[in-house]
Amino acid sequence: MHADMSFIGLFLQASMLVKIVMLLLLAMSVYSWTLIFSRARLLKSAKQALDHFEERFWSGHDLSRLYKETAARSERIVGGEKIFNSGFKEFSRLHRMPGRNVDSVTEGAHRSMRVTLSREVEELESGLSALATIGSISPYIGLFGTVWGIMNSFIALGEVQQATLTMVAPGIAEALIATAMGLFAAIPAVMAYNRFSTQLAKIETAYINLMEEFTSILHRQAMTENE
């Protein structure tokens, strides 16, 4: 009687521990792809929103008017708009205080934007650590399943008088599937993590540049009004 060498057949013939390893790797792979699609949409949306806002920011719009537009939909703004909104809001609040100092007003607005920037970057980073974890541990989990399966196969071979390739092949094949599944889960996760990390670094740099340039504009504005 020939063993079923299909994937399902090998899975059903595997030991309970190897089955658990395979199911765990399958769950990790599904979760990884879910993260990949969701993070890809989020980063693409963040880049588009930033490009759109920067186009408006540098088009010569009155900053007060631009602030009113962003404040009117403050619950829906993200990224660059949110950084700009928090900075201008704090600047306006401090600028109305008696005995104000130009540097303290500018620094207060800068601190407010820095806090907002950290929160925005943290939101974009969510899920990346999970991808990195899946990419790093999946091969080892698969290798553990393979070692366990092969060990059981050799133990079973030791109980028979004559070992043949037909007896050895199914056990080794079902064990190696665990390694294959580990690589299947790890490779996309690592590739996605590296790509998303690069995209995130570019977006964060753009946020920082916007924040610093806007801080300079606010400082010049405060100096002009203080004269």
C-alpha atoms as a PDB file:
ATOM      1  CA  MET A   1       0.000   0.000   0.000  1.00  0.00           C
ATOM      2  CA  HIS A   2       1.485   3.317  -1.094  1.00  0.00           C
ATOM      3  CA  ALA A   3       1.432   6.296   1.236  1.00  0.00           C
ATOM      4  CA  ASP A   4      -0.487   9.373   0.155  1.00  0.00           C
ATOM      5  CA  MET A   5       2.269  11.843  -0.839  1.00  0.00           C
ATOM      6  CA  SER A   6      -0.048  14.791  -1.377  1.00  0.00           C
ATOM      7  CA  PHE A   7       0.182  17.766   0.985  1.00  0.00           C
ATOM      8  CA  ILE A   8      -3.081  16.871   2.731  1.00  0.00           C
ATOM      9  CA  GLY A   9      -2.092  13.228   2.948  1.00  0.00           C
ATOM     10  CA  LEU A  10       1.306  14.018   4.451  1.00  0.00           C
ATOM     11  CA  PHE A  11      -0.309  16.421   6.903  1.00  0.00           C
ATOM     12  CA  LEU A  12      -2.784  13.779   8.060  1.00  0.00           C
ATOM     13  CA  GLN A  13       0.002  11.211   8.453  1.00  0.00           C
ATOM     14  CA  ALA A  14       2.219  13.559  10.481  1.00  0.00           C
ATOM     15  CA  SER A  15       2.533  13.300  14.251  1.00  0.00           C
ATOM     16  CA  MET A  16       0.404  15.553  16.442  1.00  0.00           C
ATOM     17  CA  LEU A  17       3.281  17.877  17.287  1.00  0.00           C
ATOM     18  CA  VAL A  18       4.222  18.337  13.620  1.00  0.00           C
ATOM     19  CA  LYS A  19       0.555  19.025  12.814  1.00  0.00           C
ATOM     20  CA  ILE A  20       0.482  21.709  15.509  1.00  0.00           C
ATOM     21  CA  VAL A  21       3.657  23.246  14.077  1.00  0.00           C
ATOM     22  CA  MET A  22       2.165  23.281  10.562  1.00  0.00           C
ATOM     23  CA  LEU A  23      -1.096  24.849  11.758  1.00  0.00           C
ATOM     24  CA  LEU A  24       0.822  27.461  13.744  1.00  0.00           C
ATOM     25  CA  LEU A  25       2.914  28.357  10.702  1.00  0.00           C
ATOM     26  CA  LEU A  26      -0.210  28.541   8.553  1.00  0.00           C
ATOM     27  CA  ALA A  27      -1.822  30.922  11.053  1.00  0.00           C
ATOM     28  CA  MET A  28       1.345  33.048  11.134  1.00  0.00           C
ATOM     29  CA  SER A  29       1.412  33.181   7.343  1.00  0.00           C
ATOM     30  CA  VAL A  30      -2.235  34.290   7.146  1.00  0.00           C
ATOM     31  CA  TYR A  31      -1.663  36.940   9.828  1.00  0.00           C
ATOM     32  CA  SER A  32       1.480  38.090   8.043  1.00  0.00           C
ATOM     33  CA  TRP A  33      -0.334  38.602   4.740  1.00  0.00           C
ATOM     34  CA  THR A  34      -3.132  40.438   6.541  1.00  0.00           C
ATOM     35  CA  LEU A  35      -0.557  42.816   8.008  1.00  0.00           C
ATOM     36  CA  ILE A  36       1.182  43.211   4.660  1.00  0.00           C
ATOM     37  CA  PHE A  37      -1.980  44.312   2.864  1.00  0.00           C
ATOM     38  CA  SER A  38      -3.146  46.608   5.681  1.00  0.00           C
ATOM     39  CA  ARG A  39       0.276  48.262   6.150  1.00  0.00           C
ATOM     40  CA  ALA A  40       0.687  48.711   2.393  1.00  0.00           C
ATOM     41  CA  ARG A  41      -2.641  50.568   2.211  1.00  0.00           C
ATOM     42  CA  LEU A  42      -1.831  52.668   5.279  1.00  0.00           C
ATOM     43  CA  LEU A  43       1.612  53.755   4.073  1.00  0.00           C
ATOM     44  CA  LYS A  44       0.324  54.504   0.581  1.00  0.00           C
ATOM     45  CA  SER A  45      -2.496  56.589   2.038  1.00  0.00           C
ATOM     46  CA  ALA A  46      -0.079  58.443   4.340  1.00  0.00           C
ATOM     47  CA  LYS A  47       2.249  59.266   1.420  1.00  0.00           C
ATOM     48  CA  GLN A  48      -0.611  60.514  -0.750  1.00  0.00           C
ATOM     49  CA  ALA A  49      -2.023  62.632   2.094  1.00  0.00           C
ATOM     50  CA  LEU A  50       1.411  64.136   2.761  1.00  0.00           C
ATOM     51  CA  ASP A  51       2.004  64.969  -0.908  1.00  0.00           C
ATOM     52  CA  HIS A  52      -1.438  66.575  -1.173  1.00  0.00           C
ATOM     53  CA  PHE A  53      -0.938  68.691   1.943  1.00  0.00           C
ATOM     54  CA  GLU A  54       2.583  69.792   0.980  1.00  0.00           C
ATOM     55  CA  GLU A  55       1.257  70.927  -2.381  1.00  0.00           C
ATOM     56  CA  ARG A  56      -1.291  73.131  -0.599  1.00  0.00           C
ATOM     57  CA  PHE A  57       1.205  74.236   2.063  1.00  0.00           C
ATOM     58  CA  TRP A  58       3.747  75.497  -0.456  1.00  0.00           C
ATOM     59  CA  SER A  59       1.230  76.916  -2.935  1.00  0.00           C
ATOM     60  CA  GLY A  60       1.086  80.261  -1.137  1.00  0.00           C
ATOM     61  CA  HIS A  61      -2.085  79.620   0.875  1.00  0.00           C
ATOM     62  CA  ASP A  62      -2.596  81.895   3.865  1.00  0.00           C
ATOM     63  CA  LEU A  63      -1.542  79.835   6.880  1.00  0.00           C
ATOM     64  CA  SER A  64      -4.444  81.045   9.013  1.00  0.00           C
ATOM     65  CA  ARG A  65      -6.895  79.996   6.347  1.00  0.00           C
ATOM     66  CA  LEU A  66      -5.158  76.653   5.913  1.00  0.00           C
ATOM     67  CA  TYR A  67      -5.337  76.105   9.668  1.00  0.00           C
ATOM     68  CA  LYS A  68      -9.074  76.821   9.716  1.00  0.00           C
ATOM     69  CA  GLU A  69      -9.572  74.297   6.899  1.00  0.00           C
ATOM     70  CA  THR A  70      -7.681  71.584   8.757  1.00  0.00           C
ATOM     71  CA  ALA A  71      -9.292  72.435  12.108  1.00  0.00           C
ATOM     72  CA  ALA A  72     -12.752  72.089  10.564  1.00  0.00           C
ATOM     73  CA  ARG A  73     -12.048  68.420   9.903  1.00  0.00           C
ATOM     74  CA  SER A  74      -9.585  67.789  12.732  1.00  0.00           C
ATOM     75  CA  GLU A  75     -10.958  64.308  13.431  1.00  0.00           C
ATOM     76  CA  ARG A  76     -10.073  63.111   9.931  1.00  0.00           C
ATOM     77  CA  ILE A  77      -6.685  64.723   9.329  1.00  0.00           C
ATOM     78  CA  VAL A  78      -3.493  62.653   9.494  1.00  0.00           C
ATOM     79  CA  GLY A  79       0.224  63.001   8.992  1.00  0.00           C
ATOM     80  CA  GLY A  80       1.469  66.360   7.764  1.00  0.00           C
ATOM     81  CA  GLU A  81      -1.882  68.062   8.236  1.00  0.00           C
ATOM     82  CA  LYS A  82      -2.060  66.927  11.845  1.00  0.00           C
ATOM     83  CA  ILE A  83       1.490  68.116  12.544  1.00  0.00           C
ATOM     84  CA  PHE A  84       0.722  71.495  10.973  1.00  0.00           C
ATOM     85  CA  ASN A  85      -2.575  71.769  12.853  1.00  0.00           C
ATOM     86  CA  SER A  86      -1.043  71.044  16.258  1.00  0.00           C
ATOM     87  CA  GLY A  87       1.842  73.447  15.658  1.00  0.00           C
ATOM     88  CA  PHE A  88      -0.294  76.348  14.489  1.00  0.00           C
ATOM     89  CA  LYS A  89      -2.815  75.777  17.285  1.00  0.00           C
ATOM     90  CA  GLU A  90      -0.105  75.920  19.957  1.00  0.00           C
ATOM     91  CA  PHE A  91       1.545  78.890  18.264  1.00  0.00           C
ATOM     92  CA  SER A  92      -1.743  80.834  18.248  1.00  0.00           C
ATOM     93  CA  ARG A  93      -2.403  79.992  21.905  1.00  0.00           C
ATOM     94  CA  LEU A  94       1.053  81.032  23.103  1.00  0.00           C
ATOM     95  CA  HIS A  95       1.148  84.084  20.846  1.00  0.00           C
ATOM     96  CA  ARG A  96      -1.899  85.552  22.602  1.00  0.00           C
ATOM     97  CA  MET A  97      -0.353  85.231  26.064  1.00  0.00           C
ATOM     98  CA  PRO A  98       0.886  88.459  27.678  1.00  0.00           C
ATOM     99  CA  GLY A  99       4.628  88.910  27.991  1.00  0.00           C
ATOM    100  CA  ARG A 100       5.248  86.379  25.273  1.00  0.00           C
ATOM    101  CA  ASN A 101       8.767  85.656  24.059  1.00  0.00           C
ATOM    102  CA  VAL A 102       9.402  84.873  20.390  1.00  0.00           C
ATOM    103  CA  ASP A 103      11.698  81.931  21.106  1.00  0.00           C
ATOM    104  CA  SER A 104       9.434  80.395  23.762  1.00  0.00           C
ATOM    105  CA  VAL A 105       6.405  80.666  21.458  1.00  0.00           C
ATOM    106  CA  THR A 106       8.289  79.009  18.603  1.00  0.00           C
ATOM    107  CA  GLU A 107       9.723  76.299  20.848  1.00  0.00           C
ATOM    108  CA  GLY A 108       6.259  75.555  22.261  1.00  0.00           C
ATOM    109  CA  ALA A 109       4.853  75.093  18.776  1.00  0.00           C
ATOM    110  CA  HIS A 110       7.835  72.912  17.856  1.00  0.00           C
ATOM    111  CA  ARG A 111       7.326  70.677  20.904  1.00  0.00           C
ATOM    112  CA  SER A 112       3.654  70.266  20.084  1.00  0.00           C
ATOM    113  CA  MET A 113       4.489  69.236  16.521  1.00  0.00           C
ATOM    114  CA  ARG A 114       7.163  66.836  17.766  1.00  0.00           C
ATOM    115  CA  VAL A 115       4.630  65.044  19.996  1.00  0.00           C
ATOM    116  CA  THR A 116       2.176  64.787  17.110  1.00  0.00           C
ATOM    117  CA  LEU A 117       4.919  63.526  14.790  1.00  0.00           C
ATOM    118  CA  SER A 118       5.843  60.784  17.278  1.00  0.00           C
ATOM    119  CA  ARG A 119       2.223  59.647  17.481  1.00  0.00           C
ATOM    120  CA  GLU A 120       1.832  59.606  13.705  1.00  0.00           C
ATOM    121  CA  VAL A 121       5.030  57.610  13.209  1.00  0.00           C
ATOM    122  CA  GLU A 122       4.000  55.219  15.971  1.00  0.00           C
ATOM    123  CA  GLU A 123       0.709  54.605  14.165  1.00  0.00           C
ATOM    124  CA  LEU A 124       2.537  53.887  10.906  1.00  0.00           C
ATOM    125  CA  GLU A 125       4.963  51.557  12.703  1.00  0.00           C
ATOM    126  CA  SER A 126       2.219  49.406  14.234  1.00  0.00           C
ATOM    127  CA  GLY A 127       2.391  45.885  12.881  1.00  0.00           C
ATOM    128  CA  LEU A 128       5.973  46.099  11.630  1.00  0.00           C
ATOM    129  CA  SER A 129       7.380  44.474  14.756  1.00  0.00           C
ATOM    130  CA  ALA A 130       4.987  41.547  14.234  1.00  0.00           C
ATOM    131  CA  LEU A 131       6.240  41.133  10.658  1.00  0.00           C
ATOM    132  CA  ALA A 132       9.834  41.187  11.889  1.00  0.00           C
ATOM    133  CA  THR A 133       9.027  38.571  14.541  1.00  0.00           C
ATOM    134  CA  ILE A 134       7.290  36.284  12.049  1.00  0.00           C
ATOM    135  CA  GLY A 135      10.144  36.656   9.597  1.00  0.00           C
ATOM    136  CA  SER A 136      12.754  35.771  12.207  1.00  0.00           C
ATOM    137  CA  ILE A 137      11.137  32.875  14.088  1.00  0.00           C
ATOM    138  CA  SER A 138       9.115  31.072  11.390  1.00  0.00           C
ATOM    139  CA  PRO A 139      12.100  29.184   9.906  1.00  0.00           C
ATOM    140  CA  TYR A 140      13.112  27.980  13.372  1.00  0.00           C
ATOM    141  CA  ILE A 141       9.604  26.796  14.182  1.00  0.00           C
ATOM    142  CA  GLY A 142       9.512  24.948  10.849  1.00  0.00           C
ATOM    143  CA  LEU A 143      12.952  23.483  11.509  1.00  0.00           C
ATOM    144  CA  PHE A 144      11.787  22.269  14.907  1.00  0.00           C
ATOM    145  CA  GLY A 145       8.871  20.460  13.245  1.00  0.00           C
ATOM    146  CA  THR A 146      11.232  18.945  10.689  1.00  0.00           C
ATOM    147  CA  VAL A 147      13.718  17.713  13.303  1.00  0.00           C
ATOM    148  CA  TRP A 148      10.922  16.209  15.381  1.00  0.00           C
ATOM    149  CA  GLY A 149       9.360  14.480  12.354  1.00  0.00           C
ATOM    150  CA  ILE A 150      12.663  13.045  11.133  1.00  0.00           C
ATOM    151  CA  MET A 151      13.529  11.899  14.643  1.00  0.00           C
ATOM    152  CA  ASN A 152      10.233  10.000  14.863  1.00  0.00           C
ATOM    153  CA  SER A 153      10.852   8.483  11.420  1.00  0.00           C
ATOM    154  CA  PHE A 154      14.249   7.109  12.454  1.00  0.00           C
ATOM    155  CA  ILE A 155      12.831   5.808  15.716  1.00  0.00           C
ATOM    156  CA  ALA A 156      10.184   3.931  13.721  1.00  0.00           C
ATOM    157  CA  LEU A 157      12.866   2.594  11.332  1.00  0.00           C
ATOM    158  CA  GLY A 158      14.803   1.230  14.273  1.00  0.00           C
ATOM    159  CA  GLU A 159      11.903  -1.046  15.115  1.00  0.00           C
ATOM    160  CA  VAL A 160      11.907  -2.891  11.761  1.00  0.00           C
ATOM    161  CA  GLN A 161      14.361  -5.487  10.429  1.00  0.00           C
ATOM    162  CA  GLN A 162      14.856  -4.013   6.969  1.00  0.00           C
ATOM    163  CA  ALA A 163      14.431  -0.325   6.048  1.00  0.00           C
ATOM    164  CA  THR A 164      13.466   0.683   2.521  1.00  0.00           C
ATOM    165  CA  LEU A 165      13.135   4.008   0.721  1.00  0.00           C
ATOM    166  CA  THR A 166       9.364   3.491   0.628  1.00  0.00           C
ATOM    167  CA  MET A 167       9.310   3.388   4.394  1.00  0.00           C
ATOM    168  CA  VAL A 168      11.624   6.378   4.857  1.00  0.00           C
ATOM    169  CA  ALA A 169      10.277   8.776   2.200  1.00  0.00           C
ATOM    170  CA  PRO A 170       6.825   9.624   3.648  1.00  0.00           C
ATOM    171  CA  GLY A 171       8.181  10.413   7.113  1.00  0.00           C
ATOM    172  CA  ILE A 172      10.964  12.628   5.788  1.00  0.00           C
ATOM    173  CA  ALA A 173       8.615  14.336   3.311  1.00  0.00           C
ATOM    174  CA  GLU A 174       6.038  15.208   5.973  1.00  0.00           C
ATOM    175  CA  ALA A 175       8.817  16.525   8.205  1.00  0.00           C
ATOM    176  CA  LEU A 176      10.334  18.719   5.475  1.00  0.00           C
ATOM    177  CA  ILE A 177       6.937  20.303   4.791  1.00  0.00           C
ATOM    178  CA  ALA A 178       7.259  22.045   8.159  1.00  0.00           C
ATOM    179  CA  THR A 179      10.488  23.714   7.039  1.00  0.00           C
ATOM    180  CA  ALA A 180       8.913  24.697   3.717  1.00  0.00           C
ATOM    181  CA  MET A 181       5.944  26.252   5.518  1.00  0.00           C
ATOM    182  CA  GLY A 182       8.310  28.110   7.835  1.00  0.00           C
ATOM    183  CA  LEU A 183      10.114  29.621   4.846  1.00  0.00           C
ATOM    184  CA  PHE A 184       6.787  30.362   3.145  1.00  0.00           C
ATOM    185  CA  ALA A 185       5.744  32.404   6.184  1.00  0.00           C
ATOM    186  CA  ALA A 186       9.129  34.055   6.738  1.00  0.00           C
ATOM    187  CA  ILE A 187      10.197  35.209   3.256  1.00  0.00           C
ATOM    188  CA  PRO A 188       7.211  37.498   2.482  1.00  0.00           C
ATOM    189  CA  ALA A 189       7.295  38.865   6.039  1.00  0.00           C
ATOM    190  CA  VAL A 190      10.984  39.799   5.808  1.00  0.00           C
ATOM    191  CA  MET A 191      10.602  41.333   2.344  1.00  0.00           C
ATOM    192  CA  ALA A 192       7.558  43.348   3.429  1.00  0.00           C
ATOM    193  CA  TYR A 193       9.248  44.482   6.642  1.00  0.00           C
ATOM    194  CA  ASN A 194      12.291  45.780   4.763  1.00  0.00           C
ATOM    195  CA  ARG A 195      10.153  47.561   2.175  1.00  0.00           C
ATOM    196  CA  PHE A 196       7.817  49.110   4.743  1.00  0.00           C
ATOM    197  CA  SER A 197      10.732  50.213   6.927  1.00  0.00           C
ATOM    198  CA  THR A 198      12.255  52.062   3.973  1.00  0.00           C
ATOM    199  CA  GLN A 199       8.934  53.712   3.091  1.00  0.00           C
ATOM    200  CA  LEU A 200       8.333  54.673   6.716  1.00  0.00           C
ATOM    201  CA  ALA A 201      11.791  56.212   7.024  1.00  0.00           C
ATOM    202  CA  LYS A 202      11.119  58.390   3.960  1.00  0.00           C
ATOM    203  CA  ILE A 203       7.726  59.503   5.287  1.00  0.00           C
ATOM    204  CA  GLU A 204       9.177  60.263   8.728  1.00  0.00           C
ATOM    205  CA  THR A 205      11.961  62.318   7.132  1.00  0.00           C
ATOM    206  CA  ALA A 206       9.351  64.258   5.149  1.00  0.00           C
ATOM    207  CA  TYR A 207       7.371  64.885   8.359  1.00  0.00           C
ATOM    208  CA  ILE A 208      10.497  66.162  10.121  1.00  0.00           C
ATOM    209  CA  ASN A 209      11.409  68.427   7.205  1.00  0.00           C
ATOM    210  CA  LEU A 210       7.883  69.855   7.139  1.00  0.00           C
ATOM    211  CA  MET A 211       7.973  70.428  10.895  1.00  0.00           C
ATOM    212  CA  GLU A 212      11.343  72.194  10.783  1.00  0.00           C
ATOM    213  CA  GLU A 213      10.398  74.355   7.811  1.00  0.00           C
ATOM    214  CA  PHE A 214       7.078  75.302   9.396  1.00  0.00           C
ATOM    215  CA  THR A 215       8.873  76.138  12.661  1.00  0.00           C
ATOM    216  CA  SER A 216      11.123  78.540  10.744  1.00  0.00           C
ATOM    217  CA  ILE A 217       8.078  80.163   9.139  1.00  0.00           C
ATOM    218  CA  LEU A 218       6.405  80.589  12.538  1.00  0.00           C
ATOM    219  CA  HIS A 219       9.591  82.056  13.991  1.00  0.00           C
ATOM    220  CA  ARG A 220       9.852  84.628  11.200  1.00  0.00           C
ATOM    221  CA  GLN A 221       6.156  85.463  11.582  1.00  0.00           C
ATOM    222  CA  ALA A 222       6.534  85.927  15.336  1.00  0.00           C
ATOM    223  CA  MET A 223       9.602  88.126  14.842  1.00  0.00           C
ATOM    224  CA  THR A 224       7.751  90.288  12.320  1.00  0.00           C
ATOM    225  CA  GLU A 225       4.704  90.750  14.563  1.00  0.00           C
ATOM    226  CA  ASN A 226       6.919  91.465  17.557  1.00  0.00           C
ATOM    227  CA  GLU A 227       8.663  94.384  15.864  1.00  0.00           C
END
